[in-house]
Amino acid sequence: MGTAHLSLQPLVAAARLRTILGVASEGTTLRKVIPSKDNCLAIDSSISWVNGEVVQDVWLRLCDVESGDIELKIKLSDLSCVVPAST
């Protein structure tokens, strides 16, 4: 079994950006995350606004194994957690 790590910070930041800008267009790409030594991305990862959710398509390269990749789709559907409530 291999390991991989992924920061959720870009996903949360994109959700905040979507809320601030008021993006409502379906399929809008909010951000791209590129592979680096600080993540396990195998290819560029896009974060988009789809069906009322912020969605990140991820392809991770597994570490500590001879070879292996894993493909994920991460959805942030409750956007109230990324924007402070009005007081």
N, C-alpha and C. Protein backbone atom coordinates (compact mmCIF):
# COMPACT_ATOMS: atom_id res chain seq x y z
N MET A 1 0.84 -1.18 0.00
CA MET A 1 0.00 0.00 0.00
C MET A 1 0.88 1.24 0.00
N GLY A 2 0.49 2.19 -0.81
CA GLY A 2 1.22 3.45 -0.87
C GLY A 2 0.52 4.53 -0.06
N THR A 3 1.15 5.67 -0.01
CA THR A 3 0.56 6.82 0.67
C THR A 3 0.54 8.01 -0.28
N ALA A 4 -0.33 8.94 0.01
CA ALA A 4 -0.40 10.19 -0.75
C ALA A 4 -1.02 11.24 0.15
N HIS A 5 -0.66 12.48 -0.07
CA HIS A 5 -1.27 13.55 0.70
C HIS A 5 -1.75 14.65 -0.24
N LEU A 6 -2.76 15.36 0.22
CA LEU A 6 -3.37 16.42 -0.57
C LEU A 6 -3.85 17.51 0.38
N SER A 7 -3.46 18.74 0.12
CA SER A 7 -3.94 19.85 0.93
C SER A 7 -5.33 20.26 0.45
N LEU A 8 -6.24 20.46 1.39
CA LEU A 8 -7.59 20.93 1.07
C LEU A 8 -7.66 22.45 1.03
N GLN A 9 -6.57 23.12 1.37
CA GLN A 9 -6.55 24.58 1.40
C GLN A 9 -6.92 25.21 0.05
N PRO A 10 -6.39 24.74 -1.09
CA PRO A 10 -6.81 25.33 -2.37
C PRO A 10 -8.30 25.17 -2.65
N LEU A 11 -8.89 24.06 -2.24
CA LEU A 11 -10.32 23.83 -2.43
C LEU A 11 -11.14 24.83 -1.60
N VAL A 12 -10.76 25.02 -0.35
CA VAL A 12 -11.46 25.96 0.53
C VAL A 12 -11.27 27.40 0.02
N ALA A 13 -10.05 27.74 -0.41
CA ALA A 13 -9.79 29.08 -0.94
C ALA A 13 -10.61 29.35 -2.19
N ALA A 14 -10.75 28.36 -3.05
CA ALA A 14 -11.56 28.51 -4.27
C ALA A 14 -13.03 28.69 -3.92
N ALA A 15 -13.50 27.99 -2.89
CA ALA A 15 -14.89 28.14 -2.46
C ALA A 15 -15.13 29.55 -1.92
N ARG A 16 -14.18 30.08 -1.16
CA ARG A 16 -14.31 31.46 -0.67
C ARG A 16 -14.32 32.44 -1.83
N LEU A 17 -13.42 32.22 -2.79
CA LEU A 17 -13.35 33.09 -3.97
C LEU A 17 -14.67 33.07 -4.73
N ARG A 18 -15.26 31.90 -4.89
CA ARG A 18 -16.54 31.77 -5.60
C ARG A 18 -17.62 32.58 -4.90
N THR A 19 -17.63 32.52 -3.58
CA THR A 19 -18.62 33.24 -2.80
C THR A 19 -18.41 34.75 -2.91
N ILE A 20 -17.17 35.19 -2.81
CA ILE A 20 -16.85 36.62 -2.88
C ILE A 20 -17.20 37.19 -4.25
N LEU A 21 -16.84 36.46 -5.31
CA LEU A 21 -17.09 36.94 -6.67
C LEU A 21 -18.52 36.70 -7.14
N GLY A 22 -19.25 35.85 -6.43
CA GLY A 22 -20.62 35.55 -6.81
C GLY A 22 -20.73 34.74 -8.09
N VAL A 23 -19.77 33.88 -8.34
CA VAL A 23 -19.78 33.05 -9.54
C VAL A 23 -20.98 32.11 -9.51
N ALA A 24 -21.76 32.13 -10.59
CA ALA A 24 -22.93 31.26 -10.66
C ALA A 24 -22.92 30.42 -11.93
N SER A 25 -22.02 30.72 -12.86
CA SER A 25 -21.98 29.99 -14.12
C SER A 25 -21.51 28.56 -13.91
N GLU A 26 -22.32 27.64 -14.38
CA GLU A 26 -22.04 26.21 -14.24
C GLU A 26 -20.74 25.85 -14.97
N GLY A 27 -19.88 25.08 -14.32
CA GLY A 27 -18.65 24.61 -14.94
C GLY A 27 -17.51 25.61 -14.93
N THR A 28 -17.66 26.72 -14.23
CA THR A 28 -16.59 27.72 -14.16
C THR A 28 -15.39 27.16 -13.41
N THR A 29 -14.21 27.25 -14.01
CA THR A 29 -12.98 26.83 -13.33
C THR A 29 -12.55 27.96 -12.41
N LEU A 30 -12.45 27.67 -11.13
CA LEU A 30 -12.10 28.66 -10.13
C LEU A 30 -10.60 28.73 -9.89
N ARG A 31 -9.92 27.60 -10.05
CA ARG A 31 -8.50 27.55 -9.74
C ARG A 31 -7.89 26.30 -10.34
N LYS A 32 -6.59 26.36 -10.62
CA LYS A 32 -5.83 25.18 -11.02
C LYS A 32 -4.69 25.00 -10.03
N VAL A 33 -4.43 23.77 -9.66
CA VAL A 33 -3.32 23.45 -8.77
C VAL A 33 -2.36 22.59 -9.58
N ILE A 34 -1.09 22.97 -9.58
CA ILE A 34 -0.11 22.24 -10.38
C ILE A 34 0.74 21.32 -9.49
N PRO A 35 1.25 20.24 -10.07
CA PRO A 35 2.11 19.33 -9.30
C PRO A 35 3.37 20.06 -8.82
N SER A 36 3.80 19.74 -7.61
CA SER A 36 5.03 20.30 -7.05
C SER A 36 5.61 19.32 -6.05
N LYS A 37 6.75 19.66 -5.50
CA LYS A 37 7.37 18.78 -4.50
C LYS A 37 6.59 18.78 -3.19
N ASP A 38 5.67 19.75 -3.02
CA ASP A 38 4.87 19.85 -1.80
C ASP A 38 3.56 19.07 -1.86
N ASN A 39 3.25 18.45 -3.01
CA ASN A 39 2.02 17.66 -3.11
C ASN A 39 2.31 16.38 -3.89
N CYS A 40 1.35 15.52 -3.96
CA CYS A 40 1.51 14.24 -4.66
C CYS A 40 0.75 14.22 -5.99
N LEU A 41 0.43 15.40 -6.52
CA LEU A 41 -0.32 15.45 -7.77
C LEU A 41 0.48 14.86 -8.92
N ALA A 42 -0.18 14.03 -9.73
CA ALA A 42 0.46 13.47 -10.92
C ALA A 42 0.29 14.41 -12.11
N ILE A 43 -0.86 15.12 -12.16
CA ILE A 43 -1.15 16.08 -13.23
C ILE A 43 -1.84 17.29 -12.62
N ASP A 44 -1.99 18.36 -13.42
CA ASP A 44 -2.70 19.55 -12.95
C ASP A 44 -4.09 19.17 -12.44
N SER A 45 -4.53 19.84 -11.41
CA SER A 45 -5.83 19.58 -10.80
C SER A 45 -6.69 20.84 -10.92
N SER A 46 -7.89 20.70 -11.45
CA SER A 46 -8.77 21.86 -11.58
C SER A 46 -9.84 21.84 -10.49
N ILE A 47 -10.19 23.05 -10.04
CA ILE A 47 -11.26 23.23 -9.06
C ILE A 47 -12.35 24.04 -9.75
N SER A 48 -13.55 23.49 -9.81
CA SER A 48 -14.64 24.10 -10.58
C SER A 48 -15.92 24.20 -9.77
N TRP A 49 -16.85 25.02 -10.27
CA TRP A 49 -18.19 25.16 -9.71
C TRP A 49 -19.13 24.29 -10.54
N VAL A 50 -19.66 23.20 -9.96
CA VAL A 50 -20.49 22.24 -10.68
C VAL A 50 -21.70 21.86 -9.82
N ASN A 51 -22.89 22.03 -10.35
CA ASN A 51 -24.14 21.63 -9.67
C ASN A 51 -24.24 22.15 -8.23
N GLY A 52 -23.85 23.40 -8.03
CA GLY A 52 -23.96 23.99 -6.70
C GLY A 52 -22.90 23.55 -5.71
N GLU A 53 -21.83 22.92 -6.21
CA GLU A 53 -20.75 22.44 -5.35
C GLU A 53 -19.41 22.87 -5.93
N VAL A 54 -18.42 23.05 -5.06
CA VAL A 54 -17.06 23.27 -5.50
C VAL A 54 -16.42 21.89 -5.60
N VAL A 55 -15.91 21.55 -6.79
CA VAL A 55 -15.43 20.20 -7.08
C VAL A 55 -13.97 20.26 -7.54
N GLN A 56 -13.15 19.37 -6.98
CA GLN A 56 -11.76 19.26 -7.41
C GLN A 56 -11.52 17.85 -7.94
N ASP A 57 -11.04 17.79 -9.18
CA ASP A 57 -10.63 16.52 -9.78
C ASP A 57 -9.14 16.35 -9.53
N VAL A 58 -8.78 15.23 -8.92
CA VAL A 58 -7.40 15.02 -8.46
C VAL A 58 -6.88 13.68 -8.96
N TRP A 59 -5.64 13.67 -9.41
CA TRP A 59 -4.95 12.43 -9.77
C TRP A 59 -3.65 12.43 -8.96
N LEU A 60 -3.60 11.57 -7.94
CA LEU A 60 -2.45 11.52 -7.03
C LEU A 60 -1.51 10.38 -7.37
N ARG A 61 -0.23 10.64 -7.26
CA ARG A 61 0.79 9.61 -7.42
C ARG A 61 1.11 9.07 -6.04
N LEU A 62 1.02 7.76 -5.88
CA LEU A 62 1.28 7.13 -4.59
C LEU A 62 2.78 7.12 -4.29
N CYS A 63 3.11 7.33 -3.03
CA CYS A 63 4.50 7.31 -2.57
C CYS A 63 4.75 5.99 -1.84
N ASP A 64 5.99 5.66 -1.66
CA ASP A 64 6.42 4.48 -0.91
C ASP A 64 5.97 3.17 -1.55
N VAL A 65 5.75 3.17 -2.86
CA VAL A 65 5.43 1.96 -3.61
C VAL A 65 6.15 2.04 -4.95
N GLU A 66 6.27 0.89 -5.61
CA GLU A 66 6.94 0.86 -6.91
C GLU A 66 6.22 1.75 -7.92
N SER A 67 4.91 1.64 -7.97
CA SER A 67 4.11 2.50 -8.86
C SER A 67 2.67 2.49 -8.40
N GLY A 68 1.94 3.50 -8.78
CA GLY A 68 0.52 3.56 -8.46
C GLY A 68 0.00 4.97 -8.45
N ASP A 69 -1.20 5.14 -8.96
CA ASP A 69 -1.90 6.41 -8.96
C ASP A 69 -3.31 6.18 -8.43
N ILE A 70 -3.92 7.24 -7.96
CA ILE A 70 -5.32 7.17 -7.53
C ILE A 70 -6.02 8.43 -8.03
N GLU A 71 -7.21 8.25 -8.58
CA GLU A 71 -7.99 9.37 -9.09
C GLU A 71 -9.15 9.64 -8.13
N LEU A 72 -9.31 10.92 -7.75
CA LEU A 72 -10.35 11.31 -6.80
C LEU A 72 -11.16 12.49 -7.33
N LYS A 73 -12.38 12.59 -6.89
CA LYS A 73 -13.22 13.78 -7.11
C LYS A 73 -13.68 14.21 -5.73
N ILE A 74 -13.25 15.40 -5.32
CA ILE A 74 -13.57 15.91 -4.00
C ILE A 74 -14.60 17.02 -4.16
N LYS A 75 -15.70 16.92 -3.40
CA LYS A 75 -16.77 17.90 -3.49
C LYS A 75 -16.96 18.61 -2.16
N LEU A 76 -17.04 19.92 -2.21
CA LEU A 76 -17.37 20.73 -1.04
C LEU A 76 -18.76 21.28 -1.29
N SER A 77 -19.75 20.68 -0.63
CA SER A 77 -21.13 21.05 -0.93
C SER A 77 -21.75 22.01 0.09
N ASP A 78 -21.27 22.00 1.32
CA ASP A 78 -21.79 22.91 2.34
C ASP A 78 -20.88 24.12 2.41
N LEU A 79 -21.19 25.15 1.63
CA LEU A 79 -20.31 26.31 1.55
C LEU A 79 -20.43 27.24 2.74
N SER A 80 -21.36 26.99 3.64
CA SER A 80 -21.48 27.83 4.83
C SER A 80 -20.26 27.69 5.73
N CYS A 81 -19.53 26.61 5.58
CA CYS A 81 -18.35 26.38 6.43
C CYS A 81 -17.15 27.21 5.99
N VAL A 82 -17.19 27.82 4.80
CA VAL A 82 -16.03 28.56 4.31
C VAL A 82 -16.22 30.07 4.37
N VAL A 83 -17.41 30.53 4.69
CA VAL A 83 -17.68 31.96 4.76
C VAL A 83 -18.21 32.29 6.15
N PRO A 84 -17.58 33.23 6.84
CA PRO A 84 -18.08 33.59 8.17
C PRO A 84 -19.52 34.10 8.10
N ALA A 85 -20.31 33.74 9.07
CA ALA A 85 -21.71 34.19 9.12
C ALA A 85 -21.76 35.68 9.43
N SER A 86 -22.73 36.36 8.86
CA SER A 86 -22.92 37.79 9.14
C SER A 86 -23.43 37.96 10.56
N THR A 87 -22.95 39.02 11.22
CA THR A 87 -23.41 39.27 12.59
C THR A 87 -24.19 40.54 12.67
